[in-house]
PDB file of all heavy atoms in Angstrom:
ATOM      1  N   LYS A   1     186.050 123.535-144.723  1.00  0.00           N
ATOM      2  CA  LYS A   1     186.456 122.745-143.548  1.00  0.00           C
ATOM      3  C   LYS A   1     187.926 122.971-143.221  1.00  0.00           C
ATOM      4  O   LYS A   1     188.300 123.175-142.073  1.00  0.00           O
ATOM      5  CB  LYS A   1     186.183 121.260-143.791  1.00  0.00           C
ATOM      6  CG  LYS A   1     186.518 120.380-142.603  1.00  0.00           C
ATOM      7  CD  LYS A   1     186.213 118.927-142.877  1.00  0.00           C
ATOM      8  CE  LYS A   1     187.437 118.305-143.477  1.00  0.00           C
ATOM      9  NZ  LYS A   1     187.382 116.873-143.642  1.00  0.00           N
ATOM     10  N   ASP A   2     188.764 122.982-144.237  1.00  0.00           N
ATOM     11  CA  ASP A   2     190.203 123.139-144.034  1.00  0.00           C
ATOM     12  C   ASP A   2     190.589 124.559-143.643  1.00  0.00           C
ATOM     13  O   ASP A   2     191.708 124.788-143.181  1.00  0.00           O
ATOM     14  CB  ASP A   2     190.974 122.710-145.288  1.00  0.00           C
ATOM     15  CG  ASP A   2     190.817 121.219-145.568  1.00  0.00           C
ATOM     16  OD1 ASP A   2     190.423 120.472-144.637  1.00  0.00           O
ATOM     17  OD2 ASP A   2     191.077 120.807-146.713  1.00  0.00           O
ATOM     18  N   SER A   3     189.673 125.520-143.798  1.00  0.00           N
ATOM     19  CA  SER A   3     189.974 126.899-143.403  1.00  0.00           C
ATOM     20  C   SER A   3     189.961 127.062-141.882  1.00  0.00           C
ATOM     21  O   SER A   3     190.435 128.060-141.357  1.00  0.00           O
ATOM     22  CB  SER A   3     188.997 127.880-144.046  1.00  0.00           C
ATOM     23  OG  SER A   3     187.713 127.776-143.461  1.00  0.00           O
ATOM     24  N   VAL A   4     189.422 126.070-141.169  1.00  0.00           N
ATOM     25  CA  VAL A   4     189.453 126.093-139.704  1.00  0.00           C
ATOM     26  C   VAL A   4     190.858 125.674-139.285  1.00  0.00           C
ATOM     27  O   VAL A   4     191.221 124.504-139.358  1.00  0.00           O
ATOM     28  CB  VAL A   4     188.392 125.160-139.087  1.00  0.00           C
ATOM     29  CG1 VAL A   4     188.496 125.155-137.564  1.00  0.00           C
ATOM     30  CG2 VAL A   4     186.998 125.563-139.536  1.00  0.00           C
ATOM     31  N   THR A   5     191.668 126.663-138.884  1.00  0.00           N
ATOM     32  CA  THR A   5     193.061 126.395-138.545  1.00  0.00           C
ATOM     33  C   THR A   5     193.220 125.900-137.114  1.00  0.00           C
ATOM     34  O   THR A   5     194.213 125.260-136.790  1.00  0.00           O
ATOM     35  CB  THR A   5     193.926 127.650-138.766  1.00  0.00           C
ATOM     36  OG1 THR A   5     193.361 128.735-138.023  1.00  0.00           O
ATOM     37  CG2 THR A   5     193.973 128.013-140.240  1.00  0.00           C
ATOM     38  N   ALA A   6     192.259 126.219-136.250  1.00  0.00           N
ATOM     39  CA  ALA A   6     192.308 125.747-134.867  1.00  0.00           C
ATOM     40  C   ALA A   6     190.917 125.826-134.263  1.00  0.00           C
ATOM     41  O   ALA A   6     190.107 126.669-134.653  1.00  0.00           O
ATOM     42  CB  ALA A   6     193.282 126.579-134.043  1.00  0.00           C
ATOM     43  N   LEU A   7     190.646 124.936-133.330  1.00  0.00           N
ATOM     44  CA  LEU A   7     189.392 124.941-132.594  1.00  0.00           C
ATOM     45  C   LEU A   7     189.728 124.521-131.174  1.00  0.00           C
ATOM     46  O   LEU A   7     190.320 123.463-130.972  1.00  0.00           O
ATOM     47  CB  LEU A   7     188.393 123.977-133.230  1.00  0.00           C
ATOM     48  CG  LEU A   7     186.960 124.124-132.756  1.00  0.00           C
ATOM     49  CD1 LEU A   7     185.993 123.799-133.871  1.00  0.00           C
ATOM     50  CD2 LEU A   7     186.674 123.300-131.542  1.00  0.00           C
ATOM     51  N   THR A   8     189.379 125.364-130.209  1.00  0.00           N
ATOM     52  CA  THR A   8     189.706 125.061-128.816  1.00  0.00           C
ATOM     53  C   THR A   8     188.492 125.246-127.921  1.00  0.00           C
ATOM     54  O   THR A   8     187.602 126.043-128.218  1.00  0.00           O
ATOM     55  CB  THR A   8     190.844 125.964-128.286  1.00  0.00           C
ATOM     56  OG1 THR A   8     190.414 127.323-128.358  1.00  0.00           O
ATOM     57  CG2 THR A   8     192.112 125.779-129.074  1.00  0.00           C
ATOM     58  N   ILE A   9     188.496 124.510-126.827  1.00  0.00           N
ATOM     59  CA  ILE A   9     187.537 124.697-125.748  1.00  0.00           C
ATOM     60  C   ILE A   9     188.366 124.930-124.499  1.00  0.00           C
ATOM     61  O   ILE A   9     189.217 124.108-124.141  1.00  0.00           O
ATOM     62  CB  ILE A   9     186.608 123.478-125.581  1.00  0.00           C
ATOM     63  CG1 ILE A   9     185.760 123.282-126.843  1.00  0.00           C
ATOM     64  CG2 ILE A   9     185.730 123.647-124.340  1.00  0.00           C
ATOM     65  CD1 ILE A   9     184.881 122.058-126.824  1.00  0.00           C
ATOM     66  N   LYS A  10     188.143 126.089-123.880  1.00  0.00           N
ATOM     67  CA  LYS A  10     188.910 126.455-122.695  1.00  0.00           C
ATOM     68  C   LYS A  10     188.122 127.475-121.894  1.00  0.00           C
ATOM     69  O   LYS A  10     187.536 128.395-122.467  1.00  0.00           O
ATOM     70  CB  LYS A  10     190.261 127.045-123.106  1.00  0.00           C
ATOM     71  CG  LYS A  10     191.156 127.410-121.949  1.00  0.00           C
ATOM     72  CD  LYS A  10     192.472 127.973-122.446  1.00  0.00           C
ATOM     73  CE  LYS A  10     193.319 128.376-121.260  1.00  0.00           C
ATOM     74  NZ  LYS A  10     194.569 129.005-121.671  1.00  0.00           N
ATOM     75  N   ASP A  11     188.118 127.305-120.575  1.00  0.00           N
ATOM     76  CA  ASP A  11     187.458 128.259-119.673  1.00  0.00           C
ATOM     77  C   ASP A  11     185.997 128.511-120.053  1.00  0.00           C
ATOM     78  O   ASP A  11     185.514 129.633-119.995  1.00  0.00           O
ATOM     79  CB  ASP A  11     188.227 129.588-119.635  1.00  0.00           C
ATOM     80  CG  ASP A  11     189.646 129.430-119.118  1.00  0.00           C
ATOM     81  OD1 ASP A  11     189.880 128.537-118.271  1.00  0.00           O
ATOM     82  OD2 ASP A  11     190.528 130.181-119.574  1.00  0.00           O
ATOM     83  N   GLY A  12     185.296 127.454-120.469  1.00  0.00           N
ATOM     84  CA  GLY A  12     183.878 127.583-120.790  1.00  0.00           C
ATOM     85  C   GLY A  12     183.591 128.293-122.098  1.00  0.00           C
ATOM     86  O   GLY A  12     182.469 128.735-122.332  1.00  0.00           O
ATOM     87  N   LYS A  13     184.595 128.360-122.973  1.00  0.00           N
ATOM     88  CA  LYS A  13     184.414 129.020-124.272  1.00  0.00           C
ATOM     89  C   LYS A  13     184.910 128.125-125.397  1.00  0.00           C
ATOM     90  O   LYS A  13     185.908 127.424-125.263  1.00  0.00           O
ATOM     91  CB  LYS A  13     185.161 130.354-124.306  1.00  0.00           C
ATOM     92  CG  LYS A  13     184.582 131.375-123.371  1.00  0.00           C
ATOM     93  CD  LYS A  13     185.224 132.725-123.571  1.00  0.00           C
ATOM     94  CE  LYS A  13     184.523 133.734-122.708  1.00  0.00           C
ATOM     95  NZ  LYS A  13     185.316 134.227-121.623  1.00  0.00           N
ATOM     96  N   LEU A  14     184.195 128.187-126.509  1.00  0.00           N
ATOM     97  CA  LEU A  14     184.585 127.503-127.731  1.00  0.00           C
ATOM     98  C   LEU A  14     185.113 128.577-128.672  1.00  0.00           C
ATOM     99  O   LEU A  14     184.420 129.569-128.915  1.00  0.00           O
ATOM    100  CB  LEU A  14     183.383 126.804-128.357  1.00  0.00           C
ATOM    101  CG  LEU A  14     183.622 126.195-129.727  1.00  0.00           C
ATOM    102  CD1 LEU A  14     183.725 124.685-129.601  1.00  0.00           C
ATOM    103  CD2 LEU A  14     182.511 126.548-130.680  1.00  0.00           C
ATOM    104  N   SER A  15     186.338 128.405-129.169  1.00  0.00           N
ATOM    105  CA  SER A  15     186.929 129.367-130.106  1.00  0.00           C
ATOM    106  C   SER A  15     187.284 128.649-131.395  1.00  0.00           C
ATOM    107  O   SER A  15     187.926 127.590-131.380  1.00  0.00           O
ATOM    108  CB  SER A  15     188.183 129.999-129.513  1.00  0.00           C
ATOM    109  OG  SER A  15     187.857 130.764-128.376  1.00  0.00           O
ATOM    110  N   ILE A  16     186.847 129.233-132.498  1.00  0.00           N
ATOM    111  CA  ILE A  16     187.135 128.697-133.824  1.00  0.00           C
ATOM    112  C   ILE A  16     187.995 129.732-134.546  1.00  0.00           C
ATOM    113  O   ILE A  16     187.618 130.899-134.638  1.00  0.00           O
ATOM    114  CB  ILE A  16     185.842 128.438-134.627  1.00  0.00           C
ATOM    115  CG1 ILE A  16     184.942 127.448-133.882  1.00  0.00           C
ATOM    116  CG2 ILE A  16     186.163 127.935-136.028  1.00  0.00           C
ATOM    117  CD1 ILE A  16     183.554 127.315-134.471  1.00  0.00           C
ATOM    118  N   PHE A  17     189.140 129.296-135.039  1.00  0.00           N
ATOM    119  CA  PHE A  17     190.045 130.176-135.759  1.00  0.00           C
ATOM    120  C   PHE A  17     189.998 129.812-137.238  1.00  0.00           C
ATOM    121  O   PHE A  17     190.306 128.678-137.602  1.00  0.00           O
ATOM    122  CB  PHE A  17     191.474 130.035-135.223  1.00  0.00           C
ATOM    123  CG  PHE A  17     191.592 130.397-133.761  1.00  0.00           C
ATOM    124  CD1 PHE A  17     191.340 129.455-132.777  1.00  0.00           C
ATOM    125  CD2 PHE A  17     191.934 131.686-133.387  1.00  0.00           C
ATOM    126  CE1 PHE A  17     191.443 129.786-131.427  1.00  0.00           C
ATOM    127  CE2 PHE A  17     192.036 132.026-132.042  1.00  0.00           C
ATOM    128  CZ  PHE A  17     191.787 131.072-131.064  1.00  0.00           C
ATOM    129  N   MET A  18     189.608 130.776-138.048  1.00  0.00           N
ATOM    130  CA  MET A  18     189.558 130.601-139.505  1.00  0.00           C
ATOM    131  C   MET A  18     190.463 131.670-140.098  1.00  0.00           C
ATOM    132  O   MET A  18     190.048 132.825-140.232  1.00  0.00           O
ATOM    133  CB  MET A  18     188.129 130.730-140.003  1.00  0.00           C
ATOM    134  CG  MET A  18     187.192 129.711-139.391  1.00  0.00           C
ATOM    135  SD  MET A  18     185.492 129.902-139.902  1.00  0.00           S
ATOM    136  CE  MET A  18     185.532 129.038-141.451  1.00  0.00           C
ATOM    137  N   GLY A  19     191.705 131.285-140.412  1.00  0.00           N
ATOM    138  CA  GLY A  19     192.681 132.279-140.861  1.00  0.00           C
ATOM    139  C   GLY A  19     192.962 133.243-139.721  1.00  0.00           C
ATOM    140  O   GLY A  19     193.306 132.837-138.623  1.00  0.00           O
ATOM    141  N   LYS A  20     192.746 134.531-139.954  1.00  0.00           N
ATOM    142  CA  LYS A  20     192.976 135.543-138.924  1.00  0.00           C
ATOM    143  C   LYS A  20     191.713 135.852-138.121  1.00  0.00           C
ATOM    144  O   LYS A  20     191.739 136.668-137.215  1.00  0.00           O
ATOM    145  CB  LYS A  20     193.509 136.822-139.558  1.00  0.00           C
ATOM    146  CG  LYS A  20     194.887 136.649-140.155  1.00  0.00           C
ATOM    147  CD  LYS A  20     195.398 137.939-140.730  1.00  0.00           C
ATOM    148  CE  LYS A  20     196.787 137.723-141.313  1.00  0.00           C
ATOM    149  NZ  LYS A  20     197.377 138.957-141.818  1.00  0.00           N
ATOM    150  N   THR A  21     190.611 135.222-138.455  1.00  0.00           N
ATOM    151  CA  THR A  21     189.337 135.465-137.780  1.00  0.00           C
ATOM    152  C   THR A  21     189.145 134.481-136.637  1.00  0.00           C
ATOM    153  O   THR A  21     189.336 133.273-136.809  1.00  0.00           O
ATOM    154  CB  THR A  21     188.158 135.327-138.776  1.00  0.00           C
ATOM    155  OG1 THR A  21     188.374 136.220-139.865  1.00  0.00           O
ATOM    156  CG2 THR A  21     186.834 135.620-138.115  1.00  0.00           C
ATOM    157  N   GLU A  22     188.758 135.006-135.480  1.00  0.00           N
ATOM    158  CA  GLU A  22     188.453 134.156-134.326  1.00  0.00           C
ATOM    159  C   GLU A  22     186.983 134.337-133.980  1.00  0.00           C
ATOM    160  O   GLU A  22     186.524 135.452-133.750  1.00  0.00           O
ATOM    161  CB  GLU A  22     189.307 134.530-133.118  1.00  0.00           C
ATOM    162  CG  GLU A  22     188.970 133.708-131.888  1.00  0.00           C
ATOM    163  CD  GLU A  22     189.754 134.122-130.649  1.00  0.00           C
ATOM    164  OE1 GLU A  22     190.617 135.013-130.738  1.00  0.00           O
ATOM    165  OE2 GLU A  22     189.489 133.547-129.591  1.00  0.00           O
ATOM    166  N   LEU A  23     186.241 133.255-133.962  1.00  0.00           N
ATOM    167  CA  LEU A  23     184.839 133.262-133.560  1.00  0.00           C
ATOM    168  C   LEU A  23     184.762 132.568-132.213  1.00  0.00           C
ATOM    169  O   LEU A  23     185.251 131.447-132.065  1.00  0.00           O
ATOM    170  CB  LEU A  23     183.978 132.531-134.594  1.00  0.00           C
ATOM    171  CG  LEU A  23     184.083 133.047-136.032  1.00  0.00           C
ATOM    172  CD1 LEU A  23     183.302 132.152-136.976  1.00  0.00           C
ATOM    173  CD2 LEU A  23     183.589 134.481-136.120  1.00  0.00           C
ATOM    174  N   THR A  24     184.152 133.238-131.239  1.00  0.00           N
ATOM    175  CA  THR A  24     184.109 132.701-129.877  1.00  0.00           C
ATOM    176  C   THR A  24     182.680 132.656-129.369  1.00  0.00           C
ATOM    177  O   THR A  24     181.895 133.558-129.624  1.00  0.00           O
ATOM    178  CB  THR A  24     184.974 133.568-128.933  1.00  0.00           C
ATOM    179  OG1 THR A  24     186.283 133.653-129.469  1.00  0.00           O
ATOM    180  CG2 THR A  24     185.042 132.963-127.552  1.00  0.00           C
ATOM    181  N   ALA A  25     182.376 131.606-128.620  1.00  0.00           N
ATOM    182  CA  ALA A  25     181.063 131.458-127.999  1.00  0.00           C
ATOM    183  C   ALA A  25     181.237 130.889-126.596  1.00  0.00           C
ATOM    184  O   ALA A  25     182.097 130.041-126.363  1.00  0.00           O
ATOM    185  CB  ALA A  25     180.177 130.526-128.820  1.00  0.00           C
ATOM    186  N   THR A  26     180.421 131.365-125.683  1.00  0.00           N
ATOM    187  CA  THR A  26     180.345 130.776-124.348  1.00  0.00           C
ATOM    188  C   THR A  26     179.563 129.476-124.472  1.00  0.00           C
ATOM    189  O   THR A  26     178.616 129.387-125.248  1.00  0.00           O
ATOM    190  CB  THR A  26     179.630 131.737-123.378  1.00  0.00           C
ATOM    191  OG1 THR A  26     180.353 132.962-123.344  1.00  0.00           O
ATOM    192  CG2 THR A  26     179.545 131.158-121.989  1.00  0.00           C
ATOM    193  N   ILE A  27     179.958 128.479-123.689  1.00  0.00           N
ATOM    194  CA  ILE A  27     179.299 127.168-123.716  1.00  0.00           C
ATOM    195  C   ILE A  27     178.584 126.934-122.389  1.00  0.00           C
ATOM    196  O   ILE A  27     179.140 127.186-121.329  1.00  0.00           O
ATOM    197  CB  ILE A  27     180.325 126.028-123.886  1.00  0.00           C
ATOM    198  CG1 ILE A  27     181.157 126.215-125.131  1.00  0.00           C
ATOM    199  CG2 ILE A  27     179.625 124.682-123.893  1.00  0.00           C
ATOM    200  CD1 ILE A  27     182.321 125.235-125.197  1.00  0.00           C
ATOM    201  N   LYS A  28     177.380 126.419-122.473  1.00  0.00           N
ATOM    202  CA  LYS A  28     176.658 125.936-121.296  1.00  0.00           C
ATOM    203  C   LYS A  28     176.248 124.504-121.603  1.00  0.00           C
ATOM    204  O   LYS A  28     175.679 124.242-122.666  1.00  0.00           O
ATOM    205  CB  LYS A  28     175.429 126.798-121.017  1.00  0.00           C
ATOM    206  CG  LYS A  28     174.660 126.329-119.802  1.00  0.00           C
ATOM    207  CD  LYS A  28     173.419 127.158-119.562  1.00  0.00           C
ATOM    208  CE  LYS A  28     172.648 126.578-118.399  1.00  0.00           C
ATOM    209  NZ  LYS A  28     171.260 126.983-118.408  1.00  0.00           N
ATOM    210  N   VAL A  29     176.559 123.571-120.700  1.00  0.00           N
ATOM    211  CA  VAL A  29     176.198 122.173-120.928  1.00  0.00           C
ATOM    212  C   VAL A  29     175.250 121.681-119.846  1.00  0.00           C
ATOM    213  O   VAL A  29     175.247 122.173-118.725  1.00  0.00           O
ATOM    214  CB  VAL A  29     177.443 121.249-121.004  1.00  0.00           C
ATOM    215  CG1 VAL A  29     178.323 121.625-122.168  1.00  0.00           C
ATOM    216  CG2 VAL A  29     178.216 121.260-119.715  1.00  0.00           C
ATOM    217  N   GLU A  30     174.447 120.705-120.225  1.00  0.00           N
ATOM    218  CA  GLU A  30     173.531 120.035-119.303  1.00  0.00           C
ATOM    219  C   GLU A  30     173.717 118.540-119.542  1.00  0.00           C
ATOM    220  O   GLU A  30     173.309 118.016-120.582  1.00  0.00           O
ATOM    221  CB  GLU A  30     172.091 120.461-119.577  1.00  0.00           C
ATOM    222  CG  GLU A  30     171.053 119.744-118.745  1.00  0.00           C
ATOM    223  CD  GLU A  30     171.298 119.882-117.249  1.00  0.00           C
ATOM    224  OE1 GLU A  30     171.274 121.020-116.745  1.00  0.00           O
ATOM    225  OE2 GLU A  30     171.518 118.846-116.601  1.00  0.00           O
ATOM    226  N   THR A  31     174.375 117.882-118.585  1.00  0.00           N
ATOM    227  CA  THR A  31     174.717 116.475-118.768  1.00  0.00           C
ATOM    228  C   THR A  31     173.661 115.503-118.254  1.00  0.00           C
ATOM    229  O   THR A  31     173.772 114.309-118.486  1.00  0.00           O
ATOM    230  CB  THR A  31     176.057 116.164-118.069  1.00  0.00           C
ATOM    231  OG1 THR A  31     175.939 116.470-116.681  1.00  0.00           O
ATOM    232  CG2 THR A  31     177.187 116.970-118.679  1.00  0.00           C
ATOM    233  N   SER A  32     172.624 116.013-117.602  1.00  0.00           N
ATOM    234  CA  SER A  32     171.624 115.115-117.018  1.00  0.00           C
ATOM    235  C   SER A  32     170.603 114.634-118.047  1.00  0.00           C
ATOM    236  O   SER A  32     169.797 113.767-117.743  1.00  0.00           O
ATOM    237  CB  SER A  32     170.899 115.807-115.857  1.00  0.00           C
ATOM    238  OG  SER A  32     170.126 116.893-116.329  1.00  0.00           O
ATOM    239  N   ARG A  33     170.644 115.165-119.243  1.00  0.00           N
ATOM    240  CA  ARG A  33     169.693 114.764-120.285  1.00  0.00           C
ATOM    241  C   ARG A  33     170.398 113.873-121.300  1.00  0.00           C
ATOM    242  O   ARG A  33     171.605 113.897-121.442  1.00  0.00           O
ATOM    243  CB  ARG A  33     169.128 116.006-120.956  1.00  0.00           C
ATOM    244  CG  ARG A  33     168.342 116.848-119.970  1.00  0.00           C
ATOM    245  CD  ARG A  33     167.431 117.835-120.670  1.00  0.00           C
ATOM    246  NE  ARG A  33     166.605 118.525-119.692  1.00  0.00           N
ATOM    247  CZ  ARG A  33     166.889 119.721-119.192  1.00  0.00           C
ATOM    248  NH1 ARG A  33     167.964 120.366-119.577  1.00  0.00           N
ATOM    249  NH2 ARG A  33     166.076 120.290-118.324  1.00  0.00           N
ATOM    250  N   THR A  34     169.604 113.096-122.039  1.00  0.00           N
ATOM    251  CA  THR A  34     170.141 112.230-123.073  1.00  0.00           C
ATOM    252  C   THR A  34     169.479 112.574-124.393  1.00  0.00           C
ATOM    253  O   THR A  34     168.256 112.484-124.483  1.00  0.00           O
ATOM    254  CB  THR A  34     169.895 110.745-122.737  1.00  0.00           C
ATOM    255  OG1 THR A  34     170.462 110.478-121.452  1.00  0.00           O
ATOM    256  CG2 THR A  34     170.520 109.846-123.761  1.00  0.00           C
ATOM    257  N   PRO A  35     170.250 112.980-125.424  1.00  0.00           N
ATOM    258  CA  PRO A  35     171.681 113.239-125.358  1.00  0.00           C
ATOM    259  C   PRO A  35     171.973 114.498-124.533  1.00  0.00           C
ATOM    260  O   PRO A  35     171.092 115.334-124.306  1.00  0.00           O
ATOM    261  CB  PRO A  35     172.082 113.433-126.820  1.00  0.00           C
ATOM    262  CG  PRO A  35     170.847 113.875-127.512  1.00  0.00           C
ATOM    263  CD  PRO A  35     169.705 113.256-126.760  1.00  0.00           C
ATOM    264  N   ALA A  36     173.222 114.624-124.098  1.00  0.00           N
ATOM    265  CA  ALA A  36     173.641 115.789-123.325  1.00  0.00           C
ATOM    266  C   ALA A  36     173.432 117.043-124.166  1.00  0.00           C
ATOM    267  O   ALA A  36     173.572 117.013-125.388  1.00  0.00           O
ATOM    268  CB  ALA A  36     175.107 115.645-122.915  1.00  0.00           C
ATOM    269  N   GLU A  37     173.081 118.134-123.500  1.00  0.00           N
ATOM    270  CA  GLU A  37     172.783 119.382-124.202  1.00  0.00           C
ATOM    271  C   GLU A  37     173.949 120.352-124.110  1.00  0.00           C
ATOM    272  O   GLU A  37     174.655 120.403-123.097  1.00  0.00           O
ATOM    273  CB  GLU A  37     171.525 120.029-123.617  1.00  0.00           C
ATOM    274  CG  GLU A  37     170.303 119.171-123.808  1.00  0.00           C
ATOM    275  CD  GLU A  37     169.047 119.766-123.191  1.00  0.00           C
ATOM    276  OE1 GLU A  37     169.126 120.806-122.499  1.00  0.00           O
ATOM    277  OE2 GLU A  37     167.974 119.186-123.399  1.00  0.00           O
ATOM    278  N   MET A  38     174.134 121.112-125.179  1.00  0.00           N
ATOM    279  CA  MET A  38     175.157 122.157-125.215  1.00  0.00           C
ATOM    280  C   MET A  38     174.546 123.373-125.893  1.00  0.00           C
ATOM    281  O   MET A  38     174.076 123.279-127.024  1.00  0.00           O
ATOM    282  CB  MET A  38     176.391 121.701-125.997  1.00  0.00           C
ATOM    283  CG  MET A  38     177.441 122.796-126.161  1.00  0.00           C
ATOM    284  SD  MET A  38     178.854 122.299-127.179  1.00  0.00           S
ATOM    285  CE  MET A  38     179.728 121.237-126.038  1.00  0.00           C
ATOM    286  N   ASP A  39     174.541 124.495-125.186  1.00  0.00           N
ATOM    287  CA  ASP A  39     174.087 125.743-125.773  1.00  0.00           C
ATOM    288  C   ASP A  39     175.294 126.621-126.031  1.00  0.00           C
ATOM    289  O   ASP A  39     176.193 126.734-125.194  1.00  0.00           O
ATOM    290  CB  ASP A  39     173.109 126.467-124.837  1.00  0.00           C
ATOM    291  CG  ASP A  39     171.803 125.698-124.689  1.00  0.00           C
ATOM    292  OD1 ASP A  39     171.407 125.006-125.641  1.00  0.00           O
ATOM    293  OD2 ASP A  39     171.190 125.790-123.620  1.00  0.00           O
ATOM    294  N   LEU A  40     175.328 127.237-127.202  1.00  0.00           N
ATOM    295  CA  LEU A  40     176.408 128.138-127.584  1.00  0.00           C
ATOM    296  C   LEU A  40     175.853 129.556-127.621  1.00  0.00           C
ATOM    297  O   LEU A  40     174.786 129.799-128.191  1.00  0.00           O
ATOM    298  CB  LEU A  40     176.956 127.753-128.959  1.00  0.00           C
ATOM    299  CG  LEU A  40     177.483 126.333-129.089  1.00  0.00           C
ATOM    300  CD1 LEU A  40     177.810 126.009-130.542  1.00  0.00           C
ATOM    301  CD2 LEU A  40     178.708 126.135-128.223  1.00  0.00           C
ATOM    302  N   PHE A  41     176.578 130.480-127.015  1.00  0.00           N
ATOM    303  CA  PHE A  41     176.191 131.884-126.970  1.00  0.00           C
ATOM    304  C   PHE A  41     177.316 132.700-127.610  1.00  0.00           C
ATOM    305  O   PHE A  41     178.323 132.994-126.954  1.00  0.00           O
ATOM    306  CB  PHE A  41     175.966 132.338-125.523  1.00  0.00           C
ATOM    307  CG  PHE A  41     174.865 131.588-124.826  1.00  0.00           C
ATOM    308  CD1 PHE A  41     175.134 130.424-124.122  1.00  0.00           C
ATOM    309  CD2 PHE A  41     173.557 132.039-124.886  1.00  0.00           C
ATOM    310  CE1 PHE A  41     174.123 129.721-123.478  1.00  0.00           C
ATOM    311  CE2 PHE A  41     172.539 131.343-124.247  1.00  0.00           C
ATOM    312  CZ  PHE A  41     172.821 130.184-123.543  1.00  0.00           C
ATOM    313  N   PRO A  42     177.199 133.036-128.917  1.00  0.00           N
ATOM    314  CA  PRO A  42     178.262 133.770-129.612  1.00  0.00           C
ATOM    315  C   PRO A  42     178.608 135.089-128.932  1.00  0.00           C
ATOM    316  O   PRO A  42     177.724 135.787-128.431  1.00  0.00           O
ATOM    317  CB  PRO A  42     177.675 134.004-131.000  1.00  0.00           C
ATOM    318  CG  PRO A  42     176.667 132.917-131.169  1.00  0.00           C
ATOM    319  CD  PRO A  42     176.078 132.718-129.795  1.00  0.00           C
ATOM    320  N   LEU A  43     179.896 135.420-128.940  1.00  0.00           N
ATOM    321  CA  LEU A  43     180.393 136.649-128.320  1.00  0.00           C
ATOM    322  C   LEU A  43     180.842 137.682-129.346  1.00  0.00           C
ATOM    323  O   LEU A  43     181.048 138.836-128.997  1.00  0.00           O
ATOM    324  CB  LEU A  43     181.554 136.332-127.375  1.00  0.00           C
ATOM    325  CG  LEU A  43     181.215 135.420-126.200  1.00  0.00           C
ATOM    326  CD1 LEU A  43     182.467 135.040-125.439  1.00  0.00           C
ATOM    327  CD2 LEU A  43     180.204 136.091-125.286  1.00  0.00           C
ATOM    328  N   ASN A  44     181.005 137.275-130.621  1.00  0.00           N
ATOM    329  CA  ASN A  44     181.460 138.192-131.656  1.00  0.00           C
ATOM    330  C   ASN A  44     180.267 138.826-132.367  1.00  0.00           C
ATOM    331  O   ASN A  44     179.296 138.137-132.680  1.00  0.00           O
ATOM    332  CB  ASN A  44     182.290 137.459-132.716  1.00  0.00           C
ATOM    333  CG  ASN A  44     183.471 136.739-132.147  1.00  0.00           C
ATOM    334  OD1 ASN A  44     183.288 135.728-131.482  1.00  0.00           O
ATOM    335  ND2 ASN A  44     184.662 137.232-132.396  1.00  0.00           N
TER     336      ASN A  44
END
C-alpha cells in the first residue's frame, strides 16, 4: 500500500505511481446507475 507514491485522476485517466512505475487506465463512468459504475481500461 505504501509503495503507491501518487494516485491521480486527470483528463479521464487514472494514474498510479509505484516508485518509478506508472500504471495508467482510461476511465469511463456511468452515474445513472446505483451504485455508479466505473470501467477501467489499462493503457500499459
